[in-house]
């Protein structure tokens, strides 16, 4: 997934978008003011059919990591940032398949996130979200650049 936050009509971001489209990677764009020259590219992408990214929920839904309207955008942002005090330790059985897999992969000790992504065989954004969820739940910890079971 490529999310373009701000871009002029031409430049590096638009080259990235072209390459993403060529590789069949989804592209989302954050709408900007029509008066802002730095938003011409993102607004052009939206007019050409790219999905709008108006909140973290939009991106998570597009990645298949959340359901539209399941939580308010504010609440979802708080959960993603690990700021929601109602999200607490959870039973292992309540974890999704990828989270369970990550914990299994960490049974042999700490590894870098890069290695964890390779071993999991899942897309990077999904592994990162799953790992952050495990960390918020107190099941995963960071040891410098590595992660391990807590």
N, C-alpha and C. Protein backbone atom coordinates (compact mmCIF):
# COMPACT_ATOMS: atom_id res chain seq x y z
N UNK A 1 0.85 -1.17 0.00
CA UNK A 1 0.00 0.00 0.00
C UNK A 1 0.90 1.23 0.00
N UNK A 2 0.60 2.16 -0.88
CA UNK A 2 1.29 3.45 -0.90
C UNK A 2 0.25 4.50 -0.54
N UNK A 3 0.56 5.32 0.46
CA UNK A 3 -0.32 6.42 0.84
C UNK A 3 0.44 7.72 0.58
N UNK A 4 -0.10 8.52 -0.33
CA UNK A 4 0.53 9.79 -0.67
C UNK A 4 -0.15 10.87 0.17
N UNK A 5 0.62 11.51 1.03
CA UNK A 5 0.08 12.51 1.93
C UNK A 5 0.02 13.87 1.26
N UNK A 6 1.06 14.22 0.54
CA UNK A 6 1.10 15.51 -0.15
C UNK A 6 2.07 15.38 -1.31
N UNK A 7 1.67 15.90 -2.46
CA UNK A 7 2.54 15.82 -3.62
C UNK A 7 2.16 16.86 -4.65
N UNK A 8 3.19 17.42 -5.26
CA UNK A 8 2.95 18.29 -6.41
C UNK A 8 2.54 17.40 -7.58
N UNK A 9 2.16 18.02 -8.67
CA UNK A 9 1.69 17.28 -9.84
C UNK A 9 2.79 16.37 -10.40
N UNK A 10 4.05 16.78 -10.28
CA UNK A 10 5.17 15.98 -10.78
C UNK A 10 6.24 15.93 -9.68
N UNK A 11 6.99 14.86 -9.67
CA UNK A 11 8.06 14.75 -8.68
C UNK A 11 8.19 13.34 -8.16
N UNK A 12 8.98 13.22 -7.11
CA UNK A 12 9.31 11.92 -6.56
C UNK A 12 8.13 11.08 -6.12
N UNK A 13 7.17 11.71 -5.44
CA UNK A 13 6.01 10.96 -4.98
C UNK A 13 5.23 10.39 -6.14
N UNK A 14 5.09 11.16 -7.20
CA UNK A 14 4.34 10.69 -8.36
C UNK A 14 5.10 9.58 -9.09
N UNK A 15 6.42 9.62 -9.07
CA UNK A 15 7.20 8.52 -9.64
C UNK A 15 6.96 7.24 -8.82
N UNK A 16 6.89 7.39 -7.51
CA UNK A 16 6.62 6.25 -6.64
C UNK A 16 5.24 5.68 -6.95
N UNK A 17 4.26 6.56 -7.15
CA UNK A 17 2.90 6.13 -7.48
C UNK A 17 2.90 5.36 -8.80
N UNK A 18 3.58 5.89 -9.80
CA UNK A 18 3.64 5.21 -11.09
C UNK A 18 4.21 3.80 -10.94
N UNK A 19 5.27 3.68 -10.16
CA UNK A 19 5.89 2.37 -9.95
C UNK A 19 4.96 1.45 -9.17
N UNK A 20 4.26 2.00 -8.18
CA UNK A 20 3.31 1.19 -7.40
C UNK A 20 2.21 0.66 -8.30
N UNK A 21 1.66 1.52 -9.14
CA UNK A 21 0.60 1.10 -10.06
C UNK A 21 1.13 0.04 -11.02
N UNK A 22 2.34 0.23 -11.52
CA UNK A 22 2.95 -0.74 -12.43
C UNK A 22 3.07 -2.11 -11.75
N UNK A 23 3.34 -2.10 -10.46
CA UNK A 23 3.50 -3.35 -9.71
C UNK A 23 2.20 -3.83 -9.08
N UNK A 24 1.10 -3.15 -9.41
CA UNK A 24 -0.23 -3.50 -8.89
C UNK A 24 -0.32 -3.37 -7.37
N UNK A 25 0.34 -2.35 -6.84
CA UNK A 25 0.27 -2.02 -5.42
C UNK A 25 -0.81 -0.95 -5.26
N UNK A 26 -1.68 -1.12 -4.29
CA UNK A 26 -2.76 -0.16 -4.06
C UNK A 26 -2.19 1.20 -3.68
N UNK A 27 -2.87 2.26 -4.14
CA UNK A 27 -2.44 3.63 -3.85
C UNK A 27 -3.63 4.38 -3.25
N UNK A 28 -3.38 5.08 -2.17
CA UNK A 28 -4.37 5.96 -1.54
C UNK A 28 -3.77 7.36 -1.49
N UNK A 29 -4.64 8.36 -1.42
CA UNK A 29 -4.16 9.74 -1.38
C UNK A 29 -4.95 10.54 -0.35
N UNK A 30 -4.24 11.41 0.35
CA UNK A 30 -4.87 12.31 1.32
C UNK A 30 -5.32 13.55 0.58
N UNK A 31 -6.61 13.89 0.65
CA UNK A 31 -7.09 15.09 -0.04
C UNK A 31 -6.44 16.35 0.53
N UNK A 32 -6.23 17.33 -0.33
CA UNK A 32 -5.65 18.59 0.10
C UNK A 32 -6.44 19.76 -0.45
N UNK A 33 -6.14 20.94 0.02
CA UNK A 33 -6.80 22.14 -0.45
C UNK A 33 -6.52 22.36 -1.93
N UNK A 34 -7.53 22.75 -2.68
CA UNK A 34 -7.33 23.04 -4.11
C UNK A 34 -6.47 24.28 -4.29
N UNK A 35 -6.28 25.06 -3.26
CA UNK A 35 -5.44 26.26 -3.32
C UNK A 35 -3.97 25.96 -3.02
N UNK A 36 -3.69 24.75 -2.56
CA UNK A 36 -2.34 24.37 -2.16
C UNK A 36 -1.63 23.67 -3.33
N UNK A 37 -0.59 24.30 -3.91
CA UNK A 37 0.13 23.66 -5.02
C UNK A 37 0.76 22.32 -4.62
N UNK A 38 1.06 22.15 -3.34
CA UNK A 38 1.67 20.91 -2.87
C UNK A 38 0.64 19.78 -2.75
N UNK A 39 -0.64 20.08 -3.01
CA UNK A 39 -1.68 19.05 -2.97
C UNK A 39 -2.21 18.73 -4.37
N UNK A 40 -1.64 19.36 -5.38
CA UNK A 40 -2.11 19.11 -6.75
C UNK A 40 -2.01 17.64 -7.12
N UNK A 41 -0.91 17.00 -6.78
CA UNK A 41 -0.72 15.60 -7.13
C UNK A 41 -1.70 14.68 -6.43
N UNK A 42 -1.90 14.88 -5.12
CA UNK A 42 -2.82 14.00 -4.39
C UNK A 42 -4.25 14.21 -4.89
N UNK A 43 -4.63 15.45 -5.15
CA UNK A 43 -5.97 15.71 -5.66
C UNK A 43 -6.16 15.13 -7.06
N UNK A 44 -5.11 15.16 -7.87
CA UNK A 44 -5.16 14.54 -9.19
C UNK A 44 -5.35 13.03 -9.06
N UNK A 45 -4.62 12.41 -8.12
CA UNK A 45 -4.77 10.97 -7.90
C UNK A 45 -6.20 10.62 -7.50
N UNK A 46 -6.78 11.45 -6.64
CA UNK A 46 -8.17 11.21 -6.22
C UNK A 46 -9.13 11.34 -7.40
N UNK A 47 -8.91 12.35 -8.26
CA UNK A 47 -9.78 12.54 -9.42
C UNK A 47 -9.64 11.39 -10.42
N UNK A 48 -8.50 10.71 -10.39
CA UNK A 48 -8.27 9.58 -11.29
C UNK A 48 -8.70 8.25 -10.69
N UNK A 49 -9.29 8.28 -9.49
CA UNK A 49 -9.86 7.07 -8.92
C UNK A 49 -9.13 6.43 -7.76
N UNK A 50 -8.05 7.02 -7.29
CA UNK A 50 -7.38 6.48 -6.10
C UNK A 50 -8.30 6.65 -4.89
N UNK A 51 -8.22 5.71 -3.99
CA UNK A 51 -9.04 5.79 -2.78
C UNK A 51 -8.53 6.90 -1.87
N UNK A 52 -9.45 7.63 -1.24
CA UNK A 52 -9.02 8.68 -0.30
C UNK A 52 -8.58 8.08 1.03
N UNK A 53 -7.57 8.68 1.63
CA UNK A 53 -7.10 8.31 2.96
C UNK A 53 -7.35 9.51 3.86
N UNK A 54 -8.50 9.52 4.51
CA UNK A 54 -8.87 10.65 5.37
C UNK A 54 -8.62 10.35 6.85
N UNK A 55 -8.29 9.10 7.17
CA UNK A 55 -8.04 8.72 8.56
C UNK A 55 -7.21 7.44 8.58
N UNK A 56 -6.71 7.10 9.77
CA UNK A 56 -6.00 5.83 9.91
C UNK A 56 -6.94 4.67 9.64
N UNK A 57 -8.20 4.84 10.00
CA UNK A 57 -9.18 3.78 9.76
C UNK A 57 -9.29 3.46 8.27
N UNK A 58 -9.28 4.49 7.40
CA UNK A 58 -9.36 4.26 5.96
C UNK A 58 -8.23 3.36 5.49
N UNK A 59 -7.02 3.62 5.97
CA UNK A 59 -5.86 2.83 5.55
C UNK A 59 -5.95 1.41 6.10
N UNK A 60 -6.31 1.27 7.37
CA UNK A 60 -6.42 -0.07 7.96
C UNK A 60 -7.51 -0.89 7.29
N UNK A 61 -8.62 -0.26 6.93
CA UNK A 61 -9.68 -0.96 6.22
C UNK A 61 -9.18 -1.41 4.85
N UNK A 62 -8.48 -0.53 4.15
CA UNK A 62 -7.95 -0.88 2.83
C UNK A 62 -6.96 -2.04 2.91
N UNK A 63 -6.23 -2.12 4.01
CA UNK A 63 -5.26 -3.21 4.20
C UNK A 63 -5.93 -4.49 4.71
N UNK A 64 -7.23 -4.40 5.03
CA UNK A 64 -7.94 -5.55 5.55
C UNK A 64 -7.66 -5.81 7.01
N UNK A 65 -7.18 -4.78 7.72
CA UNK A 65 -6.82 -4.94 9.13
C UNK A 65 -7.87 -4.39 10.07
N UNK A 66 -8.94 -3.84 9.51
CA UNK A 66 -10.05 -3.31 10.31
C UNK A 66 -11.30 -3.36 9.45
N UNK A 67 -12.45 -3.24 10.10
CA UNK A 67 -13.72 -3.21 9.40
C UNK A 67 -14.26 -1.80 9.44
N UNK A 68 -14.74 -1.32 8.33
CA UNK A 68 -15.26 0.05 8.27
C UNK A 68 -16.35 0.25 9.31
N UNK A 69 -16.22 1.32 10.08
CA UNK A 69 -17.22 1.67 11.07
C UNK A 69 -17.17 0.83 12.33
N UNK A 70 -16.23 -0.11 12.44
CA UNK A 70 -16.15 -0.95 13.63
C UNK A 70 -15.88 -0.13 14.88
N UNK A 71 -15.05 0.90 14.73
CA UNK A 71 -14.77 1.82 15.82
C UNK A 71 -14.69 3.19 15.22
N UNK A 72 -14.86 4.20 16.03
CA UNK A 72 -14.71 5.55 15.52
C UNK A 72 -13.26 5.80 15.17
N UNK A 73 -12.99 6.70 14.23
CA UNK A 73 -11.63 7.00 13.82
C UNK A 73 -10.76 7.41 14.99
N UNK A 74 -11.33 8.21 15.91
CA UNK A 74 -10.58 8.65 17.09
C UNK A 74 -10.18 7.46 17.95
N UNK A 75 -11.12 6.56 18.19
CA UNK A 75 -10.84 5.39 19.02
C UNK A 75 -9.80 4.51 18.34
N UNK A 76 -9.95 4.29 17.04
CA UNK A 76 -9.00 3.46 16.32
C UNK A 76 -7.60 4.05 16.39
N UNK A 77 -7.49 5.35 16.21
CA UNK A 77 -6.18 6.01 16.29
C UNK A 77 -5.57 5.82 17.67
N UNK A 78 -6.40 5.90 18.72
CA UNK A 78 -5.91 5.71 20.08
C UNK A 78 -5.43 4.27 20.30
N UNK A 79 -6.16 3.31 19.74
CA UNK A 79 -5.77 1.90 19.88
C UNK A 79 -4.46 1.66 19.16
N UNK A 80 -4.36 2.13 17.90
CA UNK A 80 -3.14 1.95 17.12
C UNK A 80 -1.95 2.57 17.84
N UNK A 81 -2.15 3.73 18.47
CA UNK A 81 -1.06 4.40 19.17
C UNK A 81 -0.79 3.79 20.55
N UNK A 82 -1.62 2.81 20.94
CA UNK A 82 -1.42 2.16 22.24
C UNK A 82 -1.85 3.02 23.41
N UNK A 83 -2.77 3.95 23.16
CA UNK A 83 -3.18 4.88 24.21
C UNK A 83 -4.50 4.51 24.87
N UNK A 84 -5.16 3.47 24.40
CA UNK A 84 -6.47 3.13 24.95
C UNK A 84 -6.31 2.23 26.17
N UNK A 85 -6.68 2.73 27.36
CA UNK A 85 -6.50 1.93 28.57
C UNK A 85 -7.42 0.73 28.63
N UNK A 86 -8.47 0.66 27.80
CA UNK A 86 -9.37 -0.49 27.84
C UNK A 86 -8.80 -1.68 27.10
N UNK A 87 -7.75 -1.47 26.30
CA UNK A 87 -7.11 -2.58 25.61
C UNK A 87 -6.07 -3.15 26.56
N UNK A 88 -6.32 -4.33 27.06
CA UNK A 88 -5.42 -4.92 28.06
C UNK A 88 -5.03 -6.33 27.65
N UNK A 89 -4.35 -7.01 28.55
CA UNK A 89 -3.87 -8.37 28.29
C UNK A 89 -5.02 -9.25 27.83
N UNK A 90 -4.74 -10.11 26.87
CA UNK A 90 -5.78 -10.94 26.26
C UNK A 90 -5.34 -12.40 26.27
N UNK A 91 -6.30 -13.29 26.31
CA UNK A 91 -6.04 -14.72 26.22
C UNK A 91 -5.46 -15.04 24.84
N UNK A 92 -4.48 -15.91 24.78
CA UNK A 92 -3.83 -16.29 23.52
C UNK A 92 -4.88 -16.77 22.50
N UNK A 93 -5.91 -17.44 22.96
CA UNK A 93 -6.94 -17.94 22.05
C UNK A 93 -7.68 -16.79 21.35
N UNK A 94 -7.66 -15.60 21.92
CA UNK A 94 -8.35 -14.45 21.33
C UNK A 94 -7.54 -13.76 20.25
N UNK A 95 -6.30 -14.20 20.02
CA UNK A 95 -5.44 -13.56 19.02
C UNK A 95 -5.81 -14.04 17.62
N UNK A 96 -5.50 -13.21 16.62
CA UNK A 96 -5.73 -13.65 15.25
C UNK A 96 -4.61 -14.60 14.83
N UNK A 97 -4.78 -15.22 13.67
CA UNK A 97 -3.84 -16.22 13.19
C UNK A 97 -2.41 -15.71 13.05
N UNK A 98 -2.25 -14.49 12.52
CA UNK A 98 -0.91 -13.94 12.33
C UNK A 98 -0.25 -13.66 13.68
N UNK A 99 -1.00 -13.14 14.64
CA UNK A 99 -0.43 -12.88 15.96
C UNK A 99 0.04 -14.18 16.61
N UNK A 100 -0.77 -15.23 16.49
CA UNK A 100 -0.36 -16.53 17.04
C UNK A 100 0.91 -17.02 16.36
N UNK A 101 0.96 -16.86 15.04
CA UNK A 101 2.14 -17.30 14.27
C UNK A 101 3.38 -16.54 14.71
N UNK A 102 3.26 -15.23 14.93
CA UNK A 102 4.41 -14.43 15.36
C UNK A 102 4.92 -14.91 16.71
N UNK A 103 4.01 -15.22 17.62
CA UNK A 103 4.45 -15.71 18.93
C UNK A 103 5.18 -17.05 18.78
N UNK A 104 4.69 -17.92 17.90
CA UNK A 104 5.38 -19.19 17.66
C UNK A 104 6.78 -18.96 17.11
N UNK A 105 6.90 -18.00 16.20
CA UNK A 105 8.19 -17.71 15.59
C UNK A 105 9.18 -17.12 16.59
N UNK A 106 8.67 -16.57 17.68
CA UNK A 106 9.54 -15.97 18.69
C UNK A 106 9.90 -16.95 19.81
N UNK A 107 9.43 -18.19 19.71
CA UNK A 107 9.75 -19.20 20.73
C UNK A 107 11.25 -19.47 20.82
N UNK A 108 11.97 -19.28 19.71
CA UNK A 108 13.41 -19.57 19.70
C UNK A 108 14.25 -18.39 20.16
N UNK A 109 13.63 -17.31 20.57
CA UNK A 109 14.38 -16.16 21.05
C UNK A 109 14.18 -14.93 20.19
N UNK A 110 14.84 -13.83 20.58
CA UNK A 110 14.64 -12.56 19.89
C UNK A 110 15.17 -12.57 18.46
N UNK A 111 14.46 -11.83 17.59
CA UNK A 111 14.88 -11.66 16.20
C UNK A 111 14.57 -10.22 15.78
N UNK A 112 15.20 -9.78 14.71
CA UNK A 112 14.88 -8.46 14.18
C UNK A 112 13.51 -8.51 13.50
N UNK A 113 12.89 -7.35 13.34
CA UNK A 113 11.60 -7.31 12.66
C UNK A 113 11.73 -7.80 11.22
N UNK A 114 12.85 -7.51 10.57
CA UNK A 114 13.07 -7.97 9.20
C UNK A 114 13.00 -9.50 9.13
N UNK A 115 13.68 -10.15 10.06
CA UNK A 115 13.69 -11.61 10.09
C UNK A 115 12.29 -12.13 10.41
N UNK A 116 11.60 -11.48 11.32
CA UNK A 116 10.25 -11.89 11.69
C UNK A 116 9.32 -11.81 10.48
N UNK A 117 9.43 -10.75 9.71
CA UNK A 117 8.60 -10.59 8.50
C UNK A 117 8.91 -11.72 7.52
N UNK A 118 10.19 -12.00 7.30
CA UNK A 118 10.57 -13.08 6.38
C UNK A 118 10.03 -14.43 6.84
N UNK A 119 10.17 -14.71 8.12
CA UNK A 119 9.71 -16.00 8.65
C UNK A 119 8.19 -16.12 8.61
N UNK A 120 7.50 -15.01 8.84
CA UNK A 120 6.04 -15.03 8.86
C UNK A 120 5.47 -15.20 7.46
N UNK A 121 6.20 -14.73 6.45
CA UNK A 121 5.71 -14.85 5.08
C UNK A 121 4.46 -14.03 4.82
N UNK A 122 4.30 -12.95 5.56
CA UNK A 122 3.13 -12.08 5.42
C UNK A 122 3.61 -10.69 5.01
N UNK A 123 2.72 -9.87 4.46
CA UNK A 123 3.11 -8.51 4.08
C UNK A 123 3.62 -7.71 5.29
N UNK A 124 4.60 -6.86 5.04
CA UNK A 124 5.22 -6.06 6.10
C UNK A 124 4.20 -5.30 6.94
N UNK A 125 3.24 -4.55 6.32
CA UNK A 125 2.30 -3.79 7.16
C UNK A 125 1.50 -4.69 8.10
N UNK A 126 1.11 -5.87 7.62
CA UNK A 126 0.33 -6.77 8.47
C UNK A 126 1.16 -7.27 9.65
N UNK A 127 2.42 -7.61 9.40
CA UNK A 127 3.29 -8.09 10.47
C UNK A 127 3.52 -6.97 11.49
N UNK A 128 3.75 -5.75 11.01
CA UNK A 128 3.99 -4.63 11.93
C UNK A 128 2.77 -4.35 12.79
N UNK A 129 1.59 -4.37 12.20
CA UNK A 129 0.37 -4.11 12.98
C UNK A 129 0.15 -5.24 13.99
N UNK A 130 0.35 -6.48 13.55
CA UNK A 130 0.18 -7.62 14.46
C UNK A 130 1.18 -7.55 15.61
N UNK A 131 2.44 -7.20 15.30
CA UNK A 131 3.48 -7.10 16.34
C UNK A 131 3.16 -5.97 17.32
N UNK A 132 2.70 -4.84 16.80
CA UNK A 132 2.33 -3.73 17.70
C UNK A 132 1.18 -4.13 18.60
N UNK A 133 0.22 -4.87 18.05
CA UNK A 133 -0.90 -5.34 18.87
C UNK A 133 -0.42 -6.27 19.98
N UNK A 134 0.50 -7.17 19.65
CA UNK A 134 1.06 -8.06 20.67
C UNK A 134 1.84 -7.29 21.73
N UNK A 135 2.54 -6.25 21.30
CA UNK A 135 3.29 -5.43 22.25
C UNK A 135 2.34 -4.70 23.20
N UNK A 136 1.26 -4.14 22.67
CA UNK A 136 0.26 -3.45 23.51
C UNK A 136 -0.36 -4.40 24.52
N UNK A 137 -0.49 -5.67 24.12
CA UNK A 137 -1.10 -6.66 24.99
C UNK A 137 -0.11 -7.24 26.00
N UNK A 138 1.15 -6.82 25.90
CA UNK A 138 2.15 -7.30 26.83
C UNK A 138 2.69 -8.68 26.49
N UNK A 139 2.47 -9.14 25.26
CA UNK A 139 2.92 -10.46 24.85
C UNK A 139 4.22 -10.42 24.05
N UNK A 140 4.61 -9.25 23.62
CA UNK A 140 5.82 -9.07 22.83
C UNK A 140 6.56 -7.86 23.40
N UNK A 141 7.88 -7.93 23.41
CA UNK A 141 8.70 -6.82 23.90
C UNK A 141 9.78 -6.51 22.89
N UNK A 142 10.31 -5.31 22.96
CA UNK A 142 11.42 -4.89 22.10
C UNK A 142 12.71 -4.89 22.91
N UNK A 143 13.77 -5.36 22.26
CA UNK A 143 15.09 -5.40 22.87
C UNK A 143 16.01 -4.69 21.88
N UNK A 144 16.00 -3.37 21.91
CA UNK A 144 16.74 -2.61 20.91
C UNK A 144 16.07 -2.77 19.56
N UNK A 145 16.79 -3.33 18.59
CA UNK A 145 16.26 -3.51 17.25
C UNK A 145 15.55 -4.87 17.09
N UNK A 146 15.51 -5.65 18.16
CA UNK A 146 14.90 -6.99 18.09
C UNK A 146 13.59 -7.03 18.85
N UNK A 147 12.79 -8.05 18.54
CA UNK A 147 11.56 -8.31 19.28
C UNK A 147 11.64 -9.70 19.89
N UNK A 148 10.95 -9.89 21.00
CA UNK A 148 10.95 -11.17 21.68
C UNK A 148 9.65 -11.36 22.43
N UNK A 149 9.38 -12.59 22.81
CA UNK A 149 8.19 -12.85 23.63
C UNK A 149 8.37 -12.21 25.00
N UNK A 150 7.34 -11.58 25.49
CA UNK A 150 7.42 -10.93 26.80
C UNK A 150 7.18 -11.94 27.91
